[in-house]
N, C-alpha and C. Protein backbone atom coordinates (compact mmCIF):
# COMPACT_ATOMS: atom_id res chain seq x y z
N UNK A 1 83.95 61.40 85.80
CA UNK A 1 83.74 62.38 86.89
C UNK A 1 84.83 63.46 86.87
N UNK A 2 86.08 62.99 86.83
CA UNK A 2 87.20 63.94 86.82
C UNK A 2 87.19 64.75 85.54
N UNK A 3 86.94 64.07 84.41
CA UNK A 3 86.92 64.77 83.13
C UNK A 3 85.78 65.78 83.09
N UNK A 4 84.62 65.38 83.65
CA UNK A 4 83.48 66.29 83.69
C UNK A 4 83.78 67.53 84.52
N UNK A 5 84.45 67.34 85.66
CA UNK A 5 84.81 68.47 86.51
C UNK A 5 85.82 69.38 85.82
N UNK A 6 86.75 68.76 85.10
CA UNK A 6 87.75 69.54 84.38
C UNK A 6 87.10 70.38 83.29
N UNK A 7 86.19 69.77 82.53
CA UNK A 7 85.49 70.51 81.48
C UNK A 7 84.63 71.62 82.07
N UNK A 8 84.01 71.33 83.21
CA UNK A 8 83.18 72.32 83.89
C UNK A 8 84.04 73.52 84.33
N UNK A 9 85.22 73.22 84.87
CA UNK A 9 86.14 74.27 85.32
C UNK A 9 86.60 75.14 84.15
N UNK A 10 86.95 74.49 83.04
CA UNK A 10 87.40 75.24 81.86
C UNK A 10 86.28 76.12 81.33
N UNK A 11 85.06 75.59 81.30
CA UNK A 11 83.92 76.35 80.79
C UNK A 11 83.63 77.56 81.68
N UNK A 12 83.65 77.35 83.01
CA UNK A 12 83.41 78.46 83.93
C UNK A 12 84.52 79.51 83.81
N UNK A 13 85.76 79.03 83.68
CA UNK A 13 86.90 79.95 83.54
C UNK A 13 86.74 80.83 82.31
N UNK A 14 86.43 80.21 81.17
CA UNK A 14 86.28 80.97 79.93
C UNK A 14 85.11 81.94 80.01
N UNK A 15 84.03 81.48 80.64
CA UNK A 15 82.84 82.32 80.76
C UNK A 15 83.11 83.54 81.64
N UNK A 16 83.77 83.32 82.78
CA UNK A 16 84.10 84.43 83.68
C UNK A 16 85.11 85.37 83.02
N UNK A 17 86.07 84.80 82.27
CA UNK A 17 87.05 85.63 81.57
C UNK A 17 86.36 86.56 80.58
N UNK A 18 85.41 86.03 79.82
CA UNK A 18 84.65 86.85 78.88
C UNK A 18 83.84 87.91 79.63
N UNK A 19 83.23 87.49 80.74
CA UNK A 19 82.42 88.42 81.53
C UNK A 19 83.26 89.59 82.05
N UNK A 20 84.46 89.29 82.58
CA UNK A 20 85.32 90.34 83.12
C UNK A 20 85.83 91.26 82.01
N UNK A 21 86.07 90.70 80.82
CA UNK A 21 86.50 91.54 79.69
C UNK A 21 85.38 92.47 79.26
N UNK A 22 84.14 91.97 79.33
CA UNK A 22 83.00 92.81 78.96
C UNK A 22 82.81 93.96 79.94
N UNK A 23 83.22 93.73 81.19
CA UNK A 23 83.09 94.76 82.21
C UNK A 23 84.08 95.91 82.00
N UNK A 24 85.10 95.67 81.15
CA UNK A 24 86.04 96.74 80.83
C UNK A 24 87.33 96.63 81.61
N UNK A 25 88.37 97.32 81.10
CA UNK A 25 89.68 97.30 81.74
C UNK A 25 89.68 98.26 82.92
N UNK A 26 90.06 97.75 84.06
CA UNK A 26 90.14 98.58 85.26
C UNK A 26 91.16 97.96 86.20
N UNK A 27 92.07 98.76 86.72
CA UNK A 27 93.03 98.24 87.69
C UNK A 27 92.28 97.79 88.94
N UNK A 28 92.76 96.69 89.54
CA UNK A 28 92.11 96.15 90.73
C UNK A 28 91.99 97.21 91.82
N UNK A 29 93.06 97.98 92.02
CA UNK A 29 93.05 99.00 93.06
C UNK A 29 92.20 100.20 92.73
N UNK A 30 91.70 100.28 91.49
CA UNK A 30 90.90 101.43 91.07
C UNK A 30 89.45 101.06 90.80
N UNK A 31 89.03 99.88 91.24
CA UNK A 31 87.64 99.49 91.08
C UNK A 31 86.75 100.36 91.95
N UNK A 32 85.61 100.74 91.39
CA UNK A 32 84.63 101.45 92.21
C UNK A 32 83.98 100.44 93.15
N UNK A 33 83.25 100.94 94.14
CA UNK A 33 82.57 100.05 95.09
C UNK A 33 81.63 99.11 94.33
N UNK A 34 80.91 99.64 93.36
CA UNK A 34 79.96 98.83 92.60
C UNK A 34 80.69 97.74 91.81
N UNK A 35 81.79 98.10 91.14
CA UNK A 35 82.56 97.13 90.38
C UNK A 35 83.10 96.04 91.29
N UNK A 36 83.55 96.44 92.48
CA UNK A 36 84.10 95.48 93.42
C UNK A 36 83.04 94.50 93.90
N UNK A 37 81.85 95.01 94.19
CA UNK A 37 80.75 94.15 94.64
C UNK A 37 80.39 93.14 93.55
N UNK A 38 80.28 93.62 92.31
CA UNK A 38 79.95 92.73 91.20
C UNK A 38 81.04 91.66 91.02
N UNK A 39 82.30 92.06 91.14
CA UNK A 39 83.41 91.12 90.98
C UNK A 39 83.37 90.04 92.07
N UNK A 40 83.10 90.46 93.30
CA UNK A 40 83.02 89.50 94.40
C UNK A 40 81.86 88.53 94.20
N UNK A 41 80.72 89.05 93.76
CA UNK A 41 79.56 88.20 93.53
C UNK A 41 79.82 87.20 92.41
N UNK A 42 80.50 87.64 91.35
CA UNK A 42 80.84 86.74 90.25
C UNK A 42 81.76 85.63 90.76
N UNK A 43 82.72 86.00 91.61
CA UNK A 43 83.64 85.01 92.17
C UNK A 43 82.87 83.99 93.02
N UNK A 44 81.90 84.46 93.83
CA UNK A 44 81.12 83.56 94.68
C UNK A 44 80.26 82.62 93.85
N UNK A 45 79.60 83.16 92.82
CA UNK A 45 78.75 82.33 91.96
C UNK A 45 79.59 81.28 91.24
N UNK A 46 80.77 81.70 90.77
CA UNK A 46 81.66 80.77 90.08
C UNK A 46 82.11 79.66 91.01
N UNK A 47 82.42 80.01 92.27
CA UNK A 47 82.87 79.01 93.25
C UNK A 47 81.77 77.99 93.51
N UNK A 48 80.53 78.46 93.66
CA UNK A 48 79.40 77.56 93.90
C UNK A 48 79.20 76.62 92.72
N UNK A 49 79.33 77.17 91.50
CA UNK A 49 79.13 76.37 90.29
C UNK A 49 80.18 75.26 90.19
N UNK A 50 81.40 75.52 90.71
CA UNK A 50 82.46 74.52 90.65
C UNK A 50 82.39 73.52 91.80
N UNK A 51 81.95 73.98 92.97
CA UNK A 51 81.93 73.13 94.15
C UNK A 51 80.77 72.14 94.14
N UNK A 52 79.68 72.51 93.44
CA UNK A 52 78.49 71.65 93.43
C UNK A 52 78.21 71.17 92.01
N UNK A 53 78.81 70.06 91.60
CA UNK A 53 78.62 69.55 90.24
C UNK A 53 77.17 69.21 89.93
N UNK A 54 76.37 68.98 90.99
CA UNK A 54 74.97 68.61 90.75
C UNK A 54 74.11 69.82 90.37
N UNK A 55 74.60 71.03 90.70
CA UNK A 55 73.85 72.25 90.38
C UNK A 55 73.95 72.53 88.89
N UNK A 56 72.84 72.93 88.25
CA UNK A 56 72.88 73.24 86.82
C UNK A 56 73.86 74.38 86.54
N UNK A 57 74.77 74.13 85.61
CA UNK A 57 75.77 75.15 85.28
C UNK A 57 75.11 76.37 84.65
N UNK A 58 74.00 76.14 83.97
CA UNK A 58 73.31 77.24 83.29
C UNK A 58 72.80 78.28 84.29
N UNK A 59 72.44 77.83 85.51
CA UNK A 59 71.93 78.77 86.52
C UNK A 59 73.03 79.77 86.92
N UNK A 60 74.25 79.25 87.19
CA UNK A 60 75.35 80.13 87.54
C UNK A 60 75.71 81.07 86.41
N UNK A 61 75.69 80.55 85.18
CA UNK A 61 76.02 81.38 84.02
C UNK A 61 74.99 82.47 83.81
N UNK A 62 73.73 82.15 84.11
CA UNK A 62 72.67 83.15 83.98
C UNK A 62 72.84 84.27 85.01
N UNK A 63 73.21 83.89 86.25
CA UNK A 63 73.43 84.89 87.30
C UNK A 63 74.60 85.80 86.94
N UNK A 64 75.69 85.21 86.44
CA UNK A 64 76.85 86.00 86.04
C UNK A 64 76.50 86.94 84.90
N UNK A 65 75.73 86.44 83.92
CA UNK A 65 75.31 87.28 82.80
C UNK A 65 74.47 88.46 83.29
N UNK A 66 73.61 88.20 84.28
CA UNK A 66 72.77 89.27 84.83
C UNK A 66 73.62 90.31 85.55
N UNK A 67 74.63 89.85 86.31
CA UNK A 67 75.51 90.78 87.03
C UNK A 67 76.31 91.63 86.07
N UNK A 68 76.83 91.01 85.02
CA UNK A 68 77.61 91.76 84.03
C UNK A 68 76.73 92.78 83.30
N UNK A 69 75.53 92.36 82.95
CA UNK A 69 74.59 93.27 82.29
C UNK A 69 74.26 94.46 83.18
N UNK A 70 74.06 94.18 84.48
CA UNK A 70 73.77 95.24 85.44
C UNK A 70 74.96 96.20 85.55
N UNK A 71 76.16 95.64 85.60
CA UNK A 71 77.36 96.47 85.71
C UNK A 71 77.53 97.36 84.49
N UNK A 72 77.32 96.80 83.30
CA UNK A 72 77.44 97.58 82.06
C UNK A 72 76.38 98.67 82.01
N UNK A 73 75.15 98.33 82.42
CA UNK A 73 74.05 99.30 82.42
C UNK A 73 74.35 100.46 83.37
N UNK A 74 74.77 100.13 84.58
CA UNK A 74 75.07 101.17 85.57
C UNK A 74 76.25 102.02 85.11
N UNK A 75 77.26 101.39 84.51
CA UNK A 75 78.42 102.14 84.01
C UNK A 75 78.00 103.12 82.93
N UNK A 76 77.09 102.68 82.06
CA UNK A 76 76.62 103.56 80.98
C UNK A 76 75.81 104.72 81.55
N UNK A 77 74.95 104.42 82.51
CA UNK A 77 74.10 105.47 83.09
C UNK A 77 74.96 106.49 83.85
N UNK A 78 75.98 105.99 84.57
CA UNK A 78 76.83 106.91 85.34
C UNK A 78 77.65 107.82 84.43
N UNK A 79 77.88 107.39 83.18
CA UNK A 79 78.55 108.26 82.24
C UNK A 79 77.69 109.47 81.89
N UNK A 80 76.38 109.26 81.93
CA UNK A 80 75.44 110.32 81.55
C UNK A 80 74.95 111.13 82.73
N UNK A 81 75.00 110.54 83.92
CA UNK A 81 74.44 111.21 85.10
C UNK A 81 75.50 111.42 86.18
N UNK A 82 75.84 112.68 86.42
CA UNK A 82 76.81 113.01 87.46
C UNK A 82 76.25 112.66 88.84
N UNK A 83 74.97 112.87 89.06
CA UNK A 83 74.35 112.58 90.35
C UNK A 83 74.43 111.10 90.69
N UNK A 84 74.10 110.24 89.70
CA UNK A 84 74.16 108.80 89.94
C UNK A 84 75.61 108.35 90.12
N UNK A 85 76.53 108.95 89.37
CA UNK A 85 77.94 108.59 89.50
C UNK A 85 78.44 108.90 90.91
N UNK A 86 78.03 110.05 91.42
CA UNK A 86 78.42 110.41 92.79
C UNK A 86 77.81 109.45 93.81
N UNK A 87 76.58 108.99 93.52
CA UNK A 87 75.89 108.08 94.43
C UNK A 87 76.55 106.71 94.43
N UNK A 88 76.93 106.22 93.25
CA UNK A 88 77.49 104.87 93.11
C UNK A 88 78.97 104.84 93.49
N UNK A 89 79.74 105.81 92.99
CA UNK A 89 81.19 105.78 93.16
C UNK A 89 81.69 106.71 94.26
N UNK A 90 80.84 107.63 94.71
CA UNK A 90 81.28 108.61 95.70
C UNK A 90 82.03 109.76 95.04
N UNK A 91 82.59 110.65 95.83
CA UNK A 91 83.32 111.79 95.32
C UNK A 91 84.71 111.86 95.96
N UNK A 92 85.68 112.40 95.22
CA UNK A 92 87.00 112.59 95.83
C UNK A 92 86.91 113.53 97.04
N UNK A 93 87.77 113.29 98.03
CA UNK A 93 87.76 114.08 99.25
C UNK A 93 89.09 114.80 99.42
N UNK A 94 89.04 116.10 99.62
CA UNK A 94 90.26 116.89 99.81
C UNK A 94 90.67 116.80 101.28
N UNK A 95 91.79 116.12 101.54
CA UNK A 95 92.26 115.94 102.91
C UNK A 95 93.25 117.04 103.32
N UNK A 96 93.98 117.57 102.34
CA UNK A 96 94.89 118.68 102.59
C UNK A 96 94.64 119.74 101.53
N UNK A 97 94.36 120.96 101.95
CA UNK A 97 94.09 122.05 101.01
C UNK A 97 94.93 123.25 101.40
N UNK A 98 95.69 123.76 100.41
CA UNK A 98 96.56 124.92 100.65
C UNK A 98 97.50 124.69 101.84
N UNK A 99 97.97 123.45 101.97
CA UNK A 99 98.93 123.12 103.02
C UNK A 99 98.33 122.86 104.38
N UNK A 100 96.99 122.90 104.49
CA UNK A 100 96.34 122.70 105.79
C UNK A 100 95.51 121.42 105.78
N UNK A 101 95.67 120.61 106.83
CA UNK A 101 94.92 119.36 106.95
C UNK A 101 93.46 119.66 107.24
N UNK A 102 92.57 119.01 106.50
CA UNK A 102 91.13 119.18 106.69
C UNK A 102 90.66 118.17 107.74
N UNK A 103 90.65 118.59 109.00
CA UNK A 103 90.30 117.68 110.10
C UNK A 103 88.91 117.07 109.95
N UNK A 104 87.94 117.89 109.54
CA UNK A 104 86.56 117.42 109.44
C UNK A 104 86.44 116.29 108.42
N UNK A 105 87.10 116.45 107.26
CA UNK A 105 87.04 115.42 106.23
C UNK A 105 87.81 114.17 106.66
N UNK A 106 88.87 114.35 107.40
CA UNK A 106 89.62 113.20 107.92
C UNK A 106 88.72 112.37 108.83
N UNK A 107 87.95 113.05 109.69
CA UNK A 107 87.05 112.33 110.60
C UNK A 107 85.90 111.69 109.84
N UNK A 108 85.34 112.42 108.86
CA UNK A 108 84.20 111.91 108.11
C UNK A 108 84.55 110.65 107.33
N UNK A 109 85.75 110.62 106.76
CA UNK A 109 86.17 109.46 105.98
C UNK A 109 86.88 108.41 106.82
N UNK A 110 86.99 108.68 108.15
CA UNK A 110 87.67 107.77 109.07
C UNK A 110 89.08 107.46 108.57
N UNK A 111 89.75 108.53 108.14
CA UNK A 111 91.11 108.43 107.61
C UNK A 111 92.06 108.96 108.67
N UNK A 112 92.87 108.10 109.24
CA UNK A 112 93.74 108.49 110.35
C UNK A 112 95.00 109.18 109.84
N UNK A 113 95.69 109.86 110.76
CA UNK A 113 96.96 110.48 110.42
C UNK A 113 97.99 109.42 110.04
N UNK A 114 97.86 108.25 110.65
CA UNK A 114 98.77 107.15 110.30
C UNK A 114 98.57 106.74 108.85
N UNK A 115 97.29 106.66 108.42
CA UNK A 115 96.99 106.34 107.01
C UNK A 115 97.57 107.41 106.09
N UNK A 116 97.38 108.66 106.47
CA UNK A 116 97.85 109.77 105.65
C UNK A 116 99.37 109.75 105.51
N UNK A 117 100.07 109.57 106.63
CA UNK A 117 101.52 109.58 106.59
C UNK A 117 102.07 108.38 105.81
N UNK A 118 101.39 107.24 105.92
CA UNK A 118 101.82 106.07 105.16
C UNK A 118 101.76 106.33 103.67
N UNK A 119 100.63 106.91 103.22
CA UNK A 119 100.46 107.21 101.80
C UNK A 119 101.45 108.25 101.33
N UNK A 120 101.74 109.25 102.18
CA UNK A 120 102.69 110.29 101.80
C UNK A 120 104.10 109.70 101.67
N UNK A 121 104.46 108.83 102.62
CA UNK A 121 105.79 108.22 102.55
C UNK A 121 105.95 107.36 101.30
N UNK A 122 104.86 106.71 100.88
CA UNK A 122 104.92 105.90 99.65
C UNK A 122 105.18 106.76 98.43
N UNK A 123 104.91 108.07 98.55
CA UNK A 123 105.17 109.01 97.46
C UNK A 123 106.42 109.84 97.74
N UNK A 124 107.27 109.31 98.65
CA UNK A 124 108.55 109.95 98.99
C UNK A 124 108.39 111.35 99.57
N UNK A 125 107.31 111.54 100.33
CA UNK A 125 107.10 112.80 101.03
C UNK A 125 107.08 112.50 102.53
N UNK A 126 108.03 113.07 103.25
CA UNK A 126 108.17 112.75 104.68
C UNK A 126 107.44 113.73 105.57
N UNK A 127 107.16 114.93 105.06
CA UNK A 127 106.60 115.99 105.90
C UNK A 127 105.31 116.53 105.30
N UNK A 128 104.26 116.57 106.10
CA UNK A 128 102.97 117.12 105.65
C UNK A 128 103.14 118.57 105.21
N UNK A 129 104.10 119.27 105.80
CA UNK A 129 104.31 120.68 105.49
C UNK A 129 104.73 120.88 104.04
N UNK A 130 105.18 119.81 103.37
CA UNK A 130 105.62 119.92 101.97
C UNK A 130 104.48 119.74 100.98
N UNK A 131 103.26 119.48 101.50
CA UNK A 131 102.12 119.16 100.63
C UNK A 131 101.20 120.36 100.46
N UNK A 132 100.86 120.66 99.21
CA UNK A 132 99.91 121.73 98.92
C UNK A 132 98.49 121.19 98.93
N UNK A 133 98.27 120.09 98.20
CA UNK A 133 96.96 119.44 98.15
C UNK A 133 97.13 117.92 98.25
N UNK A 134 96.22 117.27 98.94
CA UNK A 134 96.15 115.81 98.96
C UNK A 134 94.68 115.43 98.83
N UNK A 135 94.39 114.62 97.82
CA UNK A 135 93.00 114.28 97.52
C UNK A 135 92.82 112.77 97.60
N UNK A 136 91.88 112.34 98.41
CA UNK A 136 91.54 110.92 98.53
C UNK A 136 90.55 110.57 97.42
N UNK A 137 91.01 109.78 96.44
CA UNK A 137 90.17 109.43 95.30
C UNK A 137 89.14 108.38 95.70
N UNK A 138 88.16 108.19 94.84
CA UNK A 138 87.09 107.22 95.14
C UNK A 138 87.62 105.79 95.18
N UNK A 139 88.77 105.55 94.57
CA UNK A 139 89.38 104.22 94.57
C UNK A 139 90.14 103.95 95.86
N UNK A 140 90.31 104.99 96.71
CA UNK A 140 91.09 104.84 97.93
C UNK A 140 92.53 105.31 97.77
N UNK A 141 92.90 105.65 96.54
CA UNK A 141 94.26 106.13 96.28
C UNK A 141 94.36 107.60 96.67
N UNK A 142 95.52 108.00 97.19
CA UNK A 142 95.75 109.38 97.59
C UNK A 142 96.57 110.09 96.52
N UNK A 143 95.99 111.12 95.91
CA UNK A 143 96.71 111.95 94.94
C UNK A 143 97.34 113.12 95.69
N UNK A 144 98.64 113.29 95.51
CA UNK A 144 99.38 114.30 96.29
C UNK A 144 100.05 115.30 95.36
N UNK A 145 99.91 116.59 95.69
CA UNK A 145 100.53 117.67 94.93
C UNK A 145 101.45 118.44 95.88
N UNK A 146 102.77 118.27 95.73
CA UNK A 146 103.70 118.96 96.63
C UNK A 146 103.67 120.47 96.39
N UNK A 147 104.14 121.22 97.38
CA UNK A 147 104.27 122.66 97.22
C UNK A 147 105.30 122.96 96.14
N UNK A 148 105.13 124.11 95.50
CA UNK A 148 105.96 124.44 94.34
C UNK A 148 107.45 124.34 94.64
N UNK A 149 107.86 124.82 95.81
CA UNK A 149 109.29 124.82 96.13
C UNK A 149 109.82 123.44 96.45
N UNK A 150 108.91 122.46 96.61
CA UNK A 150 109.32 121.10 96.92
C UNK A 150 109.25 120.16 95.71
N UNK A 151 108.80 120.69 94.58
CA UNK A 151 108.69 119.85 93.39
C UNK A 151 110.06 119.75 92.71
N UNK A 152 110.37 118.59 92.12
CA UNK A 152 111.65 118.44 91.42
C UNK A 152 111.69 119.31 90.17
N UNK A 153 112.86 119.78 89.82
CA UNK A 153 113.02 120.59 88.62
C UNK A 153 112.73 119.75 87.39
N UNK A 154 112.14 120.40 86.39
CA UNK A 154 111.87 119.74 85.11
C UNK A 154 112.65 120.46 84.02
N UNK A 155 112.70 119.84 82.85
CA UNK A 155 113.39 120.46 81.72
C UNK A 155 112.74 121.80 81.37
N UNK A 156 111.40 121.87 81.55
CA UNK A 156 110.70 123.12 81.27
C UNK A 156 111.13 124.24 82.20
N UNK A 157 111.37 123.91 83.48
CA UNK A 157 111.82 124.92 84.44
C UNK A 157 113.16 125.51 84.03
N UNK A 158 114.00 124.68 83.39
CA UNK A 158 115.33 125.13 82.99
C UNK A 158 115.38 125.58 81.54
N UNK A 159 114.19 125.64 80.90
CA UNK A 159 114.09 126.05 79.50
C UNK A 159 114.93 125.16 78.58
N UNK A 160 114.96 123.86 78.89
CA UNK A 160 115.71 122.92 78.08
C UNK A 160 114.78 122.22 77.11
N UNK A 161 115.27 121.95 75.92
CA UNK A 161 114.51 121.19 74.92
C UNK A 161 114.96 119.74 74.98
N UNK A 162 114.01 118.85 75.22
CA UNK A 162 114.33 117.42 75.30
C UNK A 162 113.62 116.68 74.18
N UNK A 163 114.20 115.55 73.73
CA UNK A 163 113.56 114.79 72.65
C UNK A 163 112.19 114.28 73.06
N UNK A 164 111.32 114.13 72.08
CA UNK A 164 109.98 113.59 72.33
C UNK A 164 110.10 112.16 72.83
N UNK A 165 109.30 111.84 73.85
CA UNK A 165 109.30 110.49 74.39
C UNK A 165 108.45 109.58 73.52
N UNK A 166 108.98 108.43 73.17
CA UNK A 166 108.23 107.47 72.37
C UNK A 166 108.46 106.07 72.88
N UNK A 167 107.54 105.17 72.59
CA UNK A 167 107.67 103.79 73.04
C UNK A 167 108.71 103.07 72.19
N UNK A 168 109.61 102.29 72.84
CA UNK A 168 110.58 101.50 72.08
C UNK A 168 109.86 100.49 71.19
N UNK A 169 110.44 100.20 70.04
CA UNK A 169 109.84 99.26 69.10
C UNK A 169 110.67 97.98 69.09
N UNK A 170 110.08 96.85 69.49
CA UNK A 170 110.84 95.59 69.48
C UNK A 170 111.21 95.18 68.06
N UNK A 171 112.47 94.81 67.85
CA UNK A 171 112.93 94.35 66.54
C UNK A 171 113.26 92.86 66.54
N UNK A 172 113.69 92.35 67.71
CA UNK A 172 113.98 90.92 67.85
C UNK A 172 113.46 90.46 69.20
N UNK A 173 112.74 89.34 69.21
CA UNK A 173 112.28 88.74 70.45
C UNK A 173 112.63 87.26 70.41
N UNK A 174 113.44 86.84 71.37
CA UNK A 174 113.86 85.44 71.50
C UNK A 174 114.44 84.91 70.19
N UNK A 175 115.32 85.69 69.58
CA UNK A 175 116.02 85.25 68.38
C UNK A 175 115.26 85.40 67.09
N UNK A 176 114.00 85.88 67.16
CA UNK A 176 113.17 86.00 65.96
C UNK A 176 112.98 87.47 65.59
N UNK A 177 113.43 87.88 64.38
CA UNK A 177 113.22 89.27 63.95
C UNK A 177 111.73 89.57 63.75
N UNK A 178 111.31 90.76 64.15
CA UNK A 178 109.92 91.19 63.96
C UNK A 178 109.87 92.04 62.69
N UNK A 179 109.59 91.39 61.55
CA UNK A 179 109.71 92.04 60.25
C UNK A 179 108.81 93.27 60.12
N UNK A 180 107.59 93.19 60.66
CA UNK A 180 106.67 94.33 60.50
C UNK A 180 107.20 95.58 61.21
N UNK A 181 107.89 95.38 62.34
CA UNK A 181 108.46 96.52 63.05
C UNK A 181 109.71 97.05 62.35
N UNK A 182 110.48 96.13 61.77
CA UNK A 182 111.67 96.55 61.02
C UNK A 182 111.24 97.38 59.81
N UNK A 183 110.17 96.94 59.15
CA UNK A 183 109.65 97.70 58.00
C UNK A 183 109.06 99.03 58.44
N UNK A 184 108.48 99.05 59.65
CA UNK A 184 107.84 100.27 60.15
C UNK A 184 108.85 101.41 60.29
N UNK A 185 110.11 101.08 60.60
CA UNK A 185 111.13 102.13 60.74
C UNK A 185 111.91 102.33 59.44
N UNK A 186 111.41 101.68 58.36
CA UNK A 186 112.02 101.86 57.05
C UNK A 186 113.35 101.16 56.87
N UNK A 187 113.55 100.05 57.59
CA UNK A 187 114.80 99.32 57.51
C UNK A 187 114.55 97.89 57.03
N UNK A 188 115.65 97.13 56.90
CA UNK A 188 115.57 95.75 56.47
C UNK A 188 116.34 94.85 57.44
N UNK A 189 116.20 93.54 57.23
CA UNK A 189 116.95 92.59 58.06
C UNK A 189 118.46 92.76 57.87
N UNK A 190 118.85 93.12 56.63
CA UNK A 190 120.27 93.30 56.36
C UNK A 190 120.82 94.47 57.18
N UNK A 191 120.03 95.53 57.28
CA UNK A 191 120.45 96.68 58.10
C UNK A 191 120.59 96.26 59.56
N UNK A 192 119.61 95.50 60.04
CA UNK A 192 119.63 95.08 61.44
C UNK A 192 120.82 94.18 61.72
N UNK A 193 121.09 93.25 60.80
CA UNK A 193 122.23 92.35 61.01
C UNK A 193 123.54 93.15 61.02
N UNK A 194 123.63 94.16 60.15
CA UNK A 194 124.83 95.00 60.10
C UNK A 194 125.00 95.75 61.42
N UNK A 195 123.90 96.27 61.97
CA UNK A 195 123.96 97.01 63.23
C UNK A 195 124.35 96.09 64.38
N UNK A 196 123.84 94.85 64.34
CA UNK A 196 124.17 93.91 65.43
C UNK A 196 125.64 93.53 65.43
N UNK A 197 126.26 93.55 64.24
CA UNK A 197 127.68 93.24 64.16
C UNK A 197 128.51 94.27 64.93
N UNK A 198 127.99 95.51 65.03
CA UNK A 198 128.67 96.55 65.79
C UNK A 198 128.70 96.20 67.28
N UNK A 199 127.72 95.39 67.69
CA UNK A 199 127.67 94.96 69.09
C UNK A 199 128.40 93.64 69.30
N UNK A 200 128.89 93.08 68.19
CA UNK A 200 129.64 91.83 68.29
C UNK A 200 128.81 90.58 68.08
N UNK A 201 127.63 90.70 67.47
CA UNK A 201 126.76 89.55 67.25
C UNK A 201 126.65 89.27 65.75
N UNK A 202 126.70 87.99 65.40
CA UNK A 202 126.66 87.58 63.99
C UNK A 202 125.29 87.05 63.57
N UNK A 203 124.51 86.60 64.54
CA UNK A 203 123.26 85.92 64.20
C UNK A 203 122.12 86.43 65.08
N UNK A 204 120.93 86.51 64.50
CA UNK A 204 119.75 86.94 65.26
C UNK A 204 119.50 86.02 66.45
N UNK A 205 119.82 84.74 66.29
CA UNK A 205 119.54 83.76 67.33
C UNK A 205 120.35 83.99 68.60
N UNK A 206 121.36 84.84 68.52
CA UNK A 206 122.16 85.18 69.70
C UNK A 206 121.46 86.21 70.58
N UNK A 207 120.41 86.81 70.03
CA UNK A 207 119.75 87.94 70.70
C UNK A 207 118.45 87.49 71.36
N UNK A 208 118.31 87.79 72.63
CA UNK A 208 117.04 87.52 73.32
C UNK A 208 116.04 88.65 73.06
N UNK A 209 116.53 89.90 73.14
CA UNK A 209 115.64 91.04 72.92
C UNK A 209 116.42 92.20 72.33
N UNK A 210 115.85 92.82 71.31
CA UNK A 210 116.45 94.01 70.70
C UNK A 210 115.32 94.97 70.35
N UNK A 211 115.52 96.24 70.69
CA UNK A 211 114.51 97.25 70.36
C UNK A 211 115.21 98.54 69.93
N UNK A 212 114.43 99.43 69.34
CA UNK A 212 114.97 100.73 68.91
C UNK A 212 114.07 101.81 69.51
N UNK A 213 114.70 102.89 70.04
CA UNK A 213 113.90 103.97 70.61
C UNK A 213 113.62 105.03 69.55
N UNK A 214 112.91 106.09 69.95
CA UNK A 214 112.51 107.11 68.98
C UNK A 214 113.68 107.96 68.48
N UNK A 215 114.86 107.78 69.10
CA UNK A 215 116.06 108.47 68.63
C UNK A 215 116.91 107.58 67.73
N UNK A 216 116.42 106.37 67.46
CA UNK A 216 117.14 105.47 66.59
C UNK A 216 118.23 104.66 67.28
N UNK A 217 118.26 104.70 68.61
CA UNK A 217 119.27 103.97 69.37
C UNK A 217 118.80 102.55 69.65
N UNK A 218 119.69 101.59 69.41
CA UNK A 218 119.36 100.19 69.64
C UNK A 218 119.69 99.77 71.07
N UNK A 219 118.82 98.93 71.63
CA UNK A 219 119.11 98.25 72.89
C UNK A 219 119.16 96.76 72.57
N UNK A 220 120.25 96.11 72.95
CA UNK A 220 120.44 94.70 72.62
C UNK A 220 120.72 93.90 73.89
N UNK A 221 119.97 92.81 74.07
CA UNK A 221 120.16 91.92 75.20
C UNK A 221 120.47 90.53 74.68
N UNK A 222 121.61 89.99 75.06
CA UNK A 222 122.06 88.69 74.57
C UNK A 222 121.27 87.55 75.20
N UNK A 223 121.00 86.52 74.38
CA UNK A 223 120.32 85.33 74.89
C UNK A 223 121.30 84.51 75.73
N UNK A 224 120.85 84.09 76.89
CA UNK A 224 121.71 83.27 77.74
C UNK A 224 121.69 81.83 77.27
N UNK A 225 122.82 81.16 77.39
CA UNK A 225 122.90 79.75 76.97
C UNK A 225 122.03 78.88 77.86
N UNK A 226 121.36 77.93 77.24
CA UNK A 226 120.52 77.01 78.00
C UNK A 226 119.16 77.57 78.24
């Protein structure tokens, strides 16, 4: 009985995992209404399949497969049809335009000033007067564009040339050198060991994490004892 329930749980888990992967990568907070409904229904079907061992597992799996197929179909159609996309996902709403609050849209979306101020504070904006545009996205997230004079200076504003930003490349993880990454930067283990000696380390096993940035600078984090 216990073993059967355990196997049933593992099977449902793997099946739902595959189903969610087929639905595509999407942040939880950025799910459309349709995606959210499908996700909730899949969770409910999965719960029923686990709570009632007497119910055929194939029935729950069939329902989940149908939901995933429907989600994929609707997602594909919405890519081709702007009208259906607006119907399923809705449209972004401009709450602040040219520095002025759109009262009518605030009422229509039932978005209070308290909600607006909370979202602005989360973006380090304390005063509505500093906002040029604020757009309520279909996910419920508020996109905010400060007024020009309130935006932080950038290197472009100062006509400064800055190095290209690149992702750091891990060279050692938990004491193990990543040979493919070392080769990718045209170096060898001997080079890496020589560089680590400059930091006072003699062995790769002393290093928990080491990476190199696009400027060739190493970051080294020592492994803690125990």
